[in-house]
N, C-alpha and C. Protein backbone atom coordinates (compact mmCIF):
# COMPACT_ATOMS: atom_id res chain seq x y z
N MET A 1 92.52 106.00 85.63
CA MET A 1 91.27 105.93 86.53
C MET A 1 90.74 106.88 87.07
N SER A 2 89.79 107.53 86.20
CA SER A 2 89.18 108.36 85.76
C SER A 2 87.79 108.17 86.94
N ASP A 3 87.40 109.45 87.50
CA ASP A 3 85.68 109.70 88.47
C ASP A 3 84.69 109.12 88.31
N ASP A 4 84.33 108.46 86.42
CA ASP A 4 83.42 108.28 86.32
C ASP A 4 83.07 106.65 85.54
N GLU A 5 84.39 106.00 86.09
CA GLU A 5 84.55 104.93 85.47
C GLU A 5 83.40 104.13 87.08
N PHE A 6 83.07 102.71 87.72
CA PHE A 6 82.58 102.02 87.75
C PHE A 6 83.17 101.96 89.58
N ILE A 7 83.31 102.06 90.65
CA ILE A 7 84.21 102.05 92.13
C ILE A 7 83.26 100.87 92.19
N THR A 8 83.69 99.47 92.95
CA THR A 8 82.87 98.70 93.33
C THR A 8 84.15 98.78 95.01
N GLY A 9 83.33 98.39 96.09
CA GLY A 9 83.10 98.62 97.40
C GLY A 9 82.69 99.19 98.10
N PRO A 10 83.34 99.24 99.80
CA PRO A 10 84.10 98.83 100.36
C PRO A 10 83.60 96.94 100.14
N HIS A 11 85.01 96.19 100.63
CA HIS A 11 84.89 95.46 100.61
C HIS A 11 86.38 94.64 101.31
N ARG A 12 86.00 94.16 102.82
CA ARG A 12 86.61 93.07 103.31
C ARG A 12 87.38 92.12 103.21
N VAL A 13 88.66 92.34 103.59
CA VAL A 13 89.56 91.31 102.57
C VAL A 13 89.82 90.65 104.42
N ASP A 14 89.32 89.56 103.86
CA ASP A 14 89.68 88.36 104.94
C ASP A 14 90.11 87.32 104.53
N GLN A 15 90.66 86.98 103.12
CA GLN A 15 91.67 86.04 102.46
C GLN A 15 92.72 86.60 101.37
N PRO A 16 93.43 87.74 102.01
CA PRO A 16 94.40 88.62 100.58
C PRO A 16 94.35 87.73 99.67
N HIS A 17 94.11 88.33 99.04
CA HIS A 17 94.55 88.35 97.49
C HIS A 17 96.21 88.08 97.19
N PRO A 18 96.88 86.80 96.26
CA PRO A 18 98.16 87.61 96.25
C PRO A 18 98.88 88.15 96.07
N ASP A 19 98.72 89.18 95.15
CA ASP A 19 98.51 90.23 94.53
C ASP A 19 98.46 91.57 95.41
N LEU A 20 97.71 91.88 96.50
CA LEU A 20 97.62 92.54 96.93
C LEU A 20 98.49 93.63 97.66
N PRO A 21 99.87 93.47 98.08
CA PRO A 21 100.46 93.47 99.18
C PRO A 21 101.48 95.24 96.95
N ARG A 22 100.79 94.22 96.12
CA ARG A 22 101.71 95.16 95.46
C ARG A 22 100.07 96.27 95.03
N ALA A 23 99.46 96.10 94.85
CA ALA A 23 98.78 96.86 94.85
C ALA A 23 97.97 97.99 95.66
N LEU A 24 99.32 97.06 96.93
CA LEU A 24 98.59 98.43 98.17
C LEU A 24 100.02 98.94 98.18
N ALA A 25 100.78 98.28 97.86
CA ALA A 25 102.07 99.53 97.53
C ALA A 25 101.98 100.32 96.22
N ASP A 26 101.62 100.22 95.38
CA ASP A 26 101.21 100.52 95.18
C ASP A 26 100.52 101.93 95.28
N LEU A 27 98.95 102.11 95.31
CA LEU A 27 98.41 103.22 95.46
C LEU A 27 98.90 104.21 96.16
N LEU A 28 99.23 102.97 97.66
CA LEU A 28 100.52 103.60 98.91
C LEU A 28 101.17 105.16 97.97
N GLY A 29 101.98 104.62 96.75
CA GLY A 29 102.80 105.35 96.24
C GLY A 29 102.14 106.56 95.18
N ARG A 30 101.25 106.15 94.84
CA ARG A 30 100.34 107.18 94.05
C ARG A 30 99.98 108.24 95.00
N VAL A 31 99.50 107.75 96.72
CA VAL A 31 98.75 108.96 96.96
C VAL A 31 99.63 109.05 97.67
N THR A 32 101.19 109.25 97.91
CA THR A 32 102.45 109.40 98.41
C THR A 32 102.43 110.89 97.35
N VAL A 33 102.89 109.98 95.93
CA VAL A 33 103.55 110.95 95.52
C VAL A 33 102.70 112.44 94.71
N ALA A 34 101.37 112.09 94.84
CA ALA A 34 99.94 113.16 94.75
C ALA A 34 100.46 114.51 95.89
N GLY A 35 101.40 114.13 97.41
CA GLY A 35 100.96 115.02 98.16
C GLY A 35 100.03 114.40 99.52
N GLY A 36 99.96 112.82 99.67
CA GLY A 36 99.09 112.77 101.17
C GLY A 36 100.02 112.51 101.05
N ILE A 37 98.88 112.73 102.93
CA ILE A 37 99.86 112.41 103.99
C ILE A 37 100.06 110.92 104.32
N THR A 38 100.76 109.66 104.27
CA THR A 38 101.18 108.32 104.35
C THR A 38 102.57 107.79 105.14
N GLY A 39 102.51 109.11 105.50
CA GLY A 39 104.35 108.90 105.95
C GLY A 39 105.58 108.75 105.27
N PHE A 40 104.94 108.90 104.71
CA PHE A 40 106.32 108.29 103.29
C PHE A 40 106.73 109.50 102.43
N THR A 41 107.66 109.68 101.94
CA THR A 41 107.97 111.25 100.79
C THR A 41 108.17 110.48 100.28
N ALA A 42 107.75 111.66 99.09
CA ALA A 42 107.74 111.22 97.33
C ALA A 42 109.12 110.39 97.50
N ASP A 43 109.98 110.24 97.34
CA ASP A 43 111.08 110.10 97.07
C ASP A 43 111.98 108.34 97.54
N THR A 44 110.93 107.79 98.53
CA THR A 44 110.65 106.46 99.75
C THR A 44 110.80 105.15 98.03
N GLU A 45 112.08 104.89 98.30
CA GLU A 45 111.89 103.39 97.77
C GLU A 45 110.47 102.55 97.20
N LEU A 46 110.12 101.76 96.18
CA LEU A 46 109.84 101.45 96.05
C LEU A 46 109.53 99.68 96.85
N GLU A 47 111.09 99.29 97.10
CA GLU A 47 110.65 98.43 97.85
C GLU A 47 110.18 98.49 99.34
N THR A 48 110.84 99.65 99.94
CA THR A 48 110.20 100.29 101.19
C THR A 48 109.08 100.37 101.44
N LEU A 49 107.82 100.28 100.37
CA LEU A 49 105.84 100.85 100.11
C LEU A 49 106.22 99.51 100.32
N THR A 50 106.71 98.27 99.25
CA THR A 50 106.10 96.55 99.13
C THR A 50 106.56 96.12 100.80
N ALA A 51 107.69 96.58 101.18
CA ALA A 51 107.78 95.52 102.43
C ALA A 51 106.70 95.90 103.40
N THR A 52 106.68 97.59 103.46
CA THR A 52 105.53 97.79 104.62
C THR A 52 103.69 97.20 103.89
N ALA A 53 103.50 96.84 102.69
CA ALA A 53 102.57 96.97 101.73
C ALA A 53 102.37 95.28 102.72
N GLN A 54 103.36 94.33 103.02
CA GLN A 54 103.32 92.98 102.38
C GLN A 54 103.16 92.94 103.89
N ARG A 55 103.97 93.43 105.02
CA ARG A 55 103.65 93.81 106.92
C ARG A 55 102.11 93.24 107.14
N ILE A 56 101.63 94.50 106.47
CA ILE A 56 100.00 95.15 106.29
C ILE A 56 99.18 93.36 106.31
N VAL A 57 99.11 92.57 104.62
CA VAL A 57 98.70 91.92 104.25
C VAL A 57 99.11 90.87 105.53
N ASP A 58 100.77 90.88 105.25
CA ASP A 58 100.46 88.91 106.97
C ASP A 58 99.77 89.48 108.34
N ASP A 59 99.80 91.46 108.88
CA ASP A 59 98.94 90.96 109.93
C ASP A 59 97.64 90.95 109.34
N THR A 60 97.09 91.43 108.38
CA THR A 60 95.67 90.77 107.84
C THR A 60 95.40 89.60 108.22
N SER A 61 96.54 88.42 107.70
CA SER A 61 96.59 86.87 107.65
C SER A 61 96.84 86.48 108.84
N ALA A 62 97.63 86.64 109.92
CA ALA A 62 97.86 86.49 111.20
C ALA A 62 96.27 86.13 111.54
N SER A 63 96.76 85.06 112.65
CA SER A 63 96.26 84.29 113.84
C SER A 63 95.88 84.50 115.49
N PRO A 64 95.26 85.63 115.67
CA PRO A 64 94.50 86.93 115.16
C PRO A 64 94.97 87.26 114.50
N LYS A 65 93.96 88.01 113.94
CA LYS A 65 94.41 89.46 112.93
C LYS A 65 95.05 90.60 113.61
N ARG A 66 95.28 90.67 113.77
CA ARG A 66 96.06 92.69 113.85
C ARG A 66 95.76 93.61 113.29
N ARG A 67 95.62 93.12 111.91
CA ARG A 67 94.88 94.41 110.87
C ARG A 67 94.16 93.66 110.32
N HIS A 68 92.86 95.34 109.82
CA HIS A 68 91.36 94.64 109.57
C HIS A 68 92.08 95.82 107.99
N VAL A 69 91.57 95.22 107.20
CA VAL A 69 91.86 95.77 105.11
C VAL A 69 90.59 96.26 104.54
N LEU A 70 90.12 96.91 104.48
CA LEU A 70 89.10 97.31 103.38
C LEU A 70 89.59 98.23 102.40
N THR A 71 88.91 97.42 101.02
CA THR A 71 89.22 97.83 99.60
C THR A 71 88.56 98.72 98.80
N ALA A 72 88.02 99.20 98.24
CA ALA A 72 88.32 99.77 96.68
C ALA A 72 87.97 99.98 95.58
N GLY A 73 87.18 99.43 94.27
CA GLY A 73 88.70 98.55 93.54
C GLY A 73 87.49 99.31 92.15
N LYS A 74 88.47 99.03 91.15
CA LYS A 74 87.75 99.19 89.48
C LYS A 74 88.88 98.08 89.01
N GLN A 75 88.24 97.12 88.61
CA GLN A 75 88.43 95.81 87.79
C GLN A 75 89.83 95.36 89.20
N HIS A 76 91.02 95.49 88.24
CA HIS A 76 92.35 94.84 88.65
C HIS A 76 93.08 95.76 89.89
N THR A 77 92.47 97.07 89.52
CA THR A 77 93.21 97.91 90.26
C THR A 77 92.67 98.33 91.57
N LEU A 78 93.41 98.87 92.81
CA LEU A 78 92.83 99.70 93.82
C LEU A 78 92.57 101.31 93.45
N ALA A 79 91.49 101.29 94.00
CA ALA A 79 91.07 102.42 94.21
C ALA A 79 91.04 103.58 95.58
N GLY A 80 91.03 102.25 96.69
CA GLY A 80 90.97 103.25 98.00
C GLY A 80 91.19 101.47 98.74
N ALA A 81 91.88 102.15 100.13
CA ALA A 81 91.68 101.23 101.24
C ALA A 81 92.24 102.05 102.51
N VAL A 82 91.00 101.52 103.42
CA VAL A 82 91.46 101.38 104.91
C VAL A 82 91.78 100.09 105.90
N VAL A 83 93.35 100.68 106.69
CA VAL A 83 93.62 99.44 107.39
C VAL A 83 93.10 99.82 108.61
N LEU A 84 92.61 99.50 109.13
CA LEU A 84 92.84 99.06 110.71
C LEU A 84 93.78 98.02 111.80
N ARG A 85 93.94 99.18 113.02
CA ARG A 85 95.50 98.16 113.43
C ARG A 85 94.57 98.04 115.08
N LEU A 86 94.14 97.01 115.25
CA LEU A 86 93.70 96.49 116.54
C LEU A 86 94.40 97.56 117.63
N GLY A 87 94.43 97.63 119.18
CA GLY A 87 94.48 98.14 119.83
C GLY A 87 95.19 96.59 120.18
N GLU A 88 96.55 96.81 120.46
CA GLU A 88 97.54 94.95 121.09
C GLU A 88 97.53 95.20 122.77
N PHE A 89 97.77 96.00 123.48
CA PHE A 89 97.08 95.42 124.83
C PHE A 89 96.03 95.26 125.41
N PRO A 90 96.01 95.12 127.15
CA PRO A 90 94.61 94.78 127.20
C PRO A 90 94.20 96.02 127.54
N VAL A 91 94.58 96.81 127.50
CA VAL A 91 94.22 97.98 127.97
C VAL A 91 93.65 98.71 126.89
N GLU A 92 94.01 99.21 125.37
CA GLU A 92 93.38 98.78 123.99
C GLU A 92 92.80 98.61 123.62
N GLN A 93 92.15 96.77 123.79
CA GLN A 93 91.88 96.40 123.53
C GLN A 93 90.08 96.98 122.75
N HIS A 94 89.30 97.72 123.44
CA HIS A 94 88.23 98.29 122.64
C HIS A 94 88.49 99.01 121.90
N ARG A 95 89.77 98.79 121.47
CA ARG A 95 90.15 100.22 120.34
C ARG A 95 90.76 99.50 118.86
N ALA A 96 91.03 100.72 117.56
CA ALA A 96 91.65 100.91 116.78
C ALA A 96 92.23 101.97 116.13
N GLU A 97 93.37 101.85 115.57
CA GLU A 97 94.10 103.11 114.83
C GLU A 97 93.90 102.98 113.66
N LEU A 98 93.33 104.11 113.20
CA LEU A 98 93.28 103.90 111.39
C LEU A 98 94.32 104.10 110.84
N ASP A 99 94.88 103.44 110.51
CA ASP A 99 96.06 103.45 110.22
C ASP A 99 96.56 104.53 109.12
N TRP A 100 95.59 104.18 107.96
CA TRP A 100 95.68 104.38 106.88
C TRP A 100 94.67 104.81 106.35
N LEU A 101 93.82 105.85 105.67
CA LEU A 101 92.54 105.85 104.49
C LEU A 101 93.53 106.72 103.98
N LEU A 102 93.44 105.96 102.27
CA LEU A 102 94.64 105.83 100.57
C LEU A 102 93.36 105.54 99.73
N VAL A 103 93.04 106.95 99.04
CA VAL A 103 92.95 106.98 97.94
C VAL A 103 93.12 107.29 96.54
N ASP A 104 92.88 106.79 95.64
CA ASP A 104 93.77 106.56 94.60
C ASP A 104 93.33 108.71 94.47
N PRO A 105 94.39 109.25 94.13
CA PRO A 105 94.58 110.60 93.63
C PRO A 105 93.13 111.23 92.86
N GLU A 106 93.34 110.03 90.89
CA GLU A 106 91.94 110.34 90.38
C GLU A 106 90.69 109.95 90.66
N VAL A 107 90.56 109.70 91.29
CA VAL A 107 89.04 108.93 92.34
C VAL A 107 88.70 109.99 93.77
N SER A 108 90.21 111.09 94.22
CA SER A 108 89.45 111.57 95.56
C SER A 108 88.06 111.93 95.52
N GLU A 109 87.49 112.50 94.59
CA GLU A 109 85.92 113.40 94.62
C GLU A 109 84.58 112.51 94.39
N SER A 110 84.72 110.97 93.99
CA SER A 110 83.65 110.76 94.37
C SER A 110 83.47 109.75 95.31
N ASP A 111 83.93 110.45 96.37
CA ASP A 111 83.19 109.63 98.26
C ASP A 111 83.91 108.47 98.11
N VAL A 112 84.95 108.15 97.67
CA VAL A 112 85.58 106.23 98.06
C VAL A 112 85.82 106.76 99.04
N ALA A 113 86.85 108.22 99.89
CA ALA A 113 87.38 108.35 101.00
C ALA A 113 85.91 108.21 101.84
N GLY A 114 85.08 108.57 101.83
CA GLY A 114 83.64 108.39 102.92
C GLY A 114 83.37 107.66 103.44
N LYS A 115 83.18 106.27 101.75
CA LYS A 115 83.09 105.33 101.80
C LYS A 115 83.76 104.65 102.96
N LEU A 116 84.47 103.91 102.48
CA LEU A 116 85.75 103.56 103.06
C LEU A 116 85.38 103.70 104.64
N LEU A 117 85.37 105.07 105.14
CA LEU A 117 85.91 105.22 106.25
C LEU A 117 83.98 104.98 107.06
N ASP A 118 83.20 105.15 106.95
CA ASP A 118 81.52 104.84 107.07
C ASP A 118 82.09 102.91 106.85
N ALA A 119 82.54 101.98 106.25
CA ALA A 119 82.38 100.85 106.39
C ALA A 119 83.77 100.58 107.22
N ALA A 120 84.94 100.90 107.46
CA ALA A 120 86.33 100.99 108.76
C ALA A 120 85.29 101.09 109.93
N GLU A 121 84.01 102.47 110.17
CA GLU A 121 83.45 102.05 111.34
C GLU A 121 82.83 101.28 111.66
N SER A 122 81.69 100.84 110.39
CA SER A 122 81.06 99.62 110.94
C SER A 122 81.70 98.85 111.27
N HIS A 123 82.43 98.10 110.85
CA HIS A 123 83.24 96.87 110.94
C HIS A 123 83.97 97.35 112.55
N ALA A 124 84.66 97.71 113.12
CA ALA A 124 84.82 98.19 114.60
C ALA A 124 83.44 98.09 115.42
N THR A 125 82.77 98.58 114.51
CA THR A 125 81.01 98.49 115.42
C THR A 125 81.68 96.63 115.99
N ALA A 126 81.44 96.01 114.32
CA ALA A 126 81.05 94.71 114.33
C ALA A 126 82.08 93.58 115.42
N LEU A 127 82.79 94.03 115.75
CA LEU A 127 84.24 93.76 116.13
C LEU A 127 83.84 93.91 117.71
N GLY A 128 82.70 95.04 117.39
CA GLY A 128 82.52 95.29 119.52
C GLY A 128 83.96 96.37 119.43
N LEU A 129 84.35 96.78 119.04
CA LEU A 129 85.67 98.10 119.38
C LEU A 129 84.27 99.57 119.84
N THR A 130 84.95 99.84 120.44
CA THR A 130 83.92 101.19 121.27
C THR A 130 84.60 102.63 120.89
N GLN A 131 85.97 102.52 120.39
CA GLN A 131 86.98 104.19 119.68
C GLN A 131 87.80 103.85 118.88
N LEU A 132 87.70 105.16 118.18
CA LEU A 132 88.96 104.52 116.89
C LEU A 132 89.38 106.22 117.02
N THR A 133 91.08 105.99 117.05
CA THR A 133 92.13 106.38 116.95
C THR A 133 92.80 106.90 115.55
N LEU A 134 92.81 107.84 115.23
CA LEU A 134 93.67 107.82 114.32
C LEU A 134 94.84 109.90 114.31
N ARG A 135 96.15 109.58 113.85
CA ARG A 135 97.13 110.69 113.75
C ARG A 135 96.84 110.99 112.20
N VAL A 136 97.31 112.32 111.81
CA VAL A 136 97.06 113.06 110.83
C VAL A 136 98.45 114.51 110.72
N GLY A 137 98.76 114.48 109.39
CA GLY A 137 99.30 115.65 109.91
C GLY A 137 98.65 116.53 108.90
N ALA A 138 98.17 117.78 110.19
CA ALA A 138 97.73 119.34 109.74
C ALA A 138 97.67 120.09 108.51
N ASP A 139 96.11 120.04 107.66
CA ASP A 139 97.18 121.25 106.13
C ASP A 139 94.82 121.34 106.55
N GLY A 140 94.81 121.21 107.18
CA GLY A 140 93.28 122.04 106.81
C GLY A 140 92.27 121.06 106.35
N ARG A 141 92.47 120.55 105.44
CA ARG A 141 91.15 119.57 104.41
C ARG A 141 90.91 118.27 105.30
N THR A 142 92.39 117.60 105.41
CA THR A 142 92.09 116.40 105.75
C THR A 142 91.30 116.12 107.64
N GLU A 143 91.57 117.58 107.99
CA GLU A 143 91.23 118.31 109.17
C GLU A 143 89.67 117.75 109.77
N ARG A 144 89.11 118.30 108.38
CA ARG A 144 88.04 118.90 108.07
C ARG A 144 87.19 117.81 107.91
N PHE A 145 87.37 117.29 107.01
CA PHE A 145 87.33 115.68 106.45
C PHE A 145 86.90 114.45 107.55
N TYR A 146 87.79 114.72 108.17
CA TYR A 146 87.02 113.83 109.55
C TYR A 146 86.00 114.73 111.04
N THR A 147 86.47 115.84 111.11
CA THR A 147 85.70 116.50 112.19
C THR A 147 84.24 116.41 111.65
N ASP A 148 84.61 117.08 110.32
CA ASP A 148 83.04 116.87 109.58
C ASP A 148 82.09 115.81 110.20
N ARG A 149 82.84 114.53 110.63
CA ARG A 149 81.43 113.04 109.80
C ARG A 149 81.78 112.47 111.51
N GLY A 150 82.16 113.02 112.59
CA GLY A 150 82.17 113.42 113.72
C GLY A 150 83.49 112.47 115.19
N TRP A 151 84.55 112.81 114.19
CA TRP A 151 85.56 112.67 114.94
C TRP A 151 86.03 113.92 115.21
N VAL A 152 86.46 113.87 117.17
CA VAL A 152 87.22 115.23 117.66
C VAL A 152 88.22 114.88 118.00
N GLU A 153 89.22 116.22 117.52
CA GLU A 153 90.56 116.69 118.01
C GLU A 153 90.32 116.60 119.71
N ARG A 154 91.90 115.63 120.09
CA ARG A 154 92.05 115.17 120.99
C ARG A 154 93.57 116.01 121.51
N GLY A 155 94.71 116.44 120.73
CA GLY A 155 95.39 116.70 121.08
C GLY A 155 96.14 117.27 119.44
N ARG A 156 97.39 117.61 119.39
CA ARG A 156 97.76 118.64 118.34
C ARG A 156 99.66 118.62 118.79
N TRP A 157 100.90 118.03 118.33
CA TRP A 157 101.88 117.56 118.29
C TRP A 157 102.05 118.65 117.25
N PRO A 158 102.89 119.88 118.16
CA PRO A 158 103.65 120.84 116.89
C PRO A 158 104.95 120.43 116.25
N ARG A 159 105.09 120.60 114.83
CA ARG A 159 105.71 120.08 113.98
C ARG A 159 106.48 118.82 114.43
N ALA A 160 105.46 117.90 114.38
CA ALA A 160 105.65 115.96 115.10
C ALA A 160 106.02 116.06 113.29
N ARG A 161 105.34 115.87 112.77
CA ARG A 161 106.12 115.41 110.76
C ARG A 161 106.84 115.88 109.79
N TYR A 162 107.69 115.76 109.71
CA TYR A 162 108.27 115.94 108.01
C TYR A 162 108.01 115.37 106.99
N ALA A 163 107.55 116.98 106.63
CA ALA A 163 107.07 116.90 104.91
C ALA A 163 107.94 117.05 103.93
N GLY A 164 109.16 117.13 103.94
CA GLY A 164 110.14 117.18 102.73
C GLY A 164 110.17 118.93 102.72
N ASP A 165 111.37 118.85 102.14
CA ASP A 165 111.74 120.14 100.92
C ASP A 165 112.60 120.87 102.73
N GLY A 166 112.40 120.58 103.84
CA GLY A 166 112.52 121.23 105.56
C GLY A 166 111.46 121.62 105.68
N GLU A 167 109.83 121.47 105.22
CA GLU A 167 109.06 121.84 106.08
C GLU A 167 108.28 120.50 107.22
N TYR A 168 107.38 121.32 107.84
CA TYR A 168 106.62 120.27 108.79
C TYR A 168 105.56 120.78 109.18
N ARG A 169 105.45 119.93 110.21
CA ARG A 169 103.20 119.87 109.81
C ARG A 169 103.31 119.40 111.52
N ASP A 170 102.15 120.05 111.78
CA ASP A 170 101.51 119.38 113.55
C ASP A 170 101.18 118.28 113.06
N GLU A 171 101.18 117.58 114.23
CA GLU A 171 100.22 116.13 114.18
C GLU A 171 99.54 115.83 115.07
N ILE A 172 98.07 115.65 114.37
CA ILE A 172 96.67 115.91 114.62
C ILE A 172 96.33 114.37 115.45
N TRP A 173 95.92 114.57 116.66
CA TRP A 173 95.07 113.02 117.47
C TRP A 173 93.41 113.16 117.56
N LEU A 174 93.51 112.36 116.62
CA LEU A 174 91.48 112.50 116.38
C LEU A 174 90.71 111.69 117.47
N THR A 175 90.05 111.09 117.90
CA THR A 175 88.95 109.99 117.88
C THR A 175 87.99 110.08 117.88
N ARG A 176 86.98 108.78 117.93
CA ARG A 176 85.01 108.60 117.21
C ARG A 176 85.00 107.61 117.83
N ASP A 177 84.12 107.54 118.97
CA ASP A 177 83.28 106.76 119.73
C ASP A 177 82.45 106.74 118.78
N LEU A 178 82.24 105.14 119.16
CA LEU A 178 80.89 104.52 118.03
C LEU A 178 79.89 104.18 118.92
């Protein structure tokens, strides 16, 4: 998939397609191998990624929904996805955590990420939520992406994320009031 190909979306996933778990696992793998901060390492087994993707899709299909997914794509290839996990406890029901914002490394310069994030914020507002939270590994570029869009750093946990090869990154906690 190249940047000049037509990307559709974002699309809200209401009734997950049977191929969504596989497509989501594939996207998760591509982003991870390219160095994206996904919570997995480049040598994570495909079965682990697939099981994680299946849990996300199951949560999207649950009643009540525990997660909301929005996607962007090119034909039958997932170009990007954003996953919102709703607050579980009564004191958290005003917010959701942005679990993942994944964009195919080959289309990352086409602002798919920005469009997915905007759509996630709009969707959260439509759900009646008043706040989004997010945890990311510190790498400068990712932090700027969010802070340039109005997200506020609320805390930093030094060396909380293992980046592989004996390297650790700080974890940054961000919020966005809607």
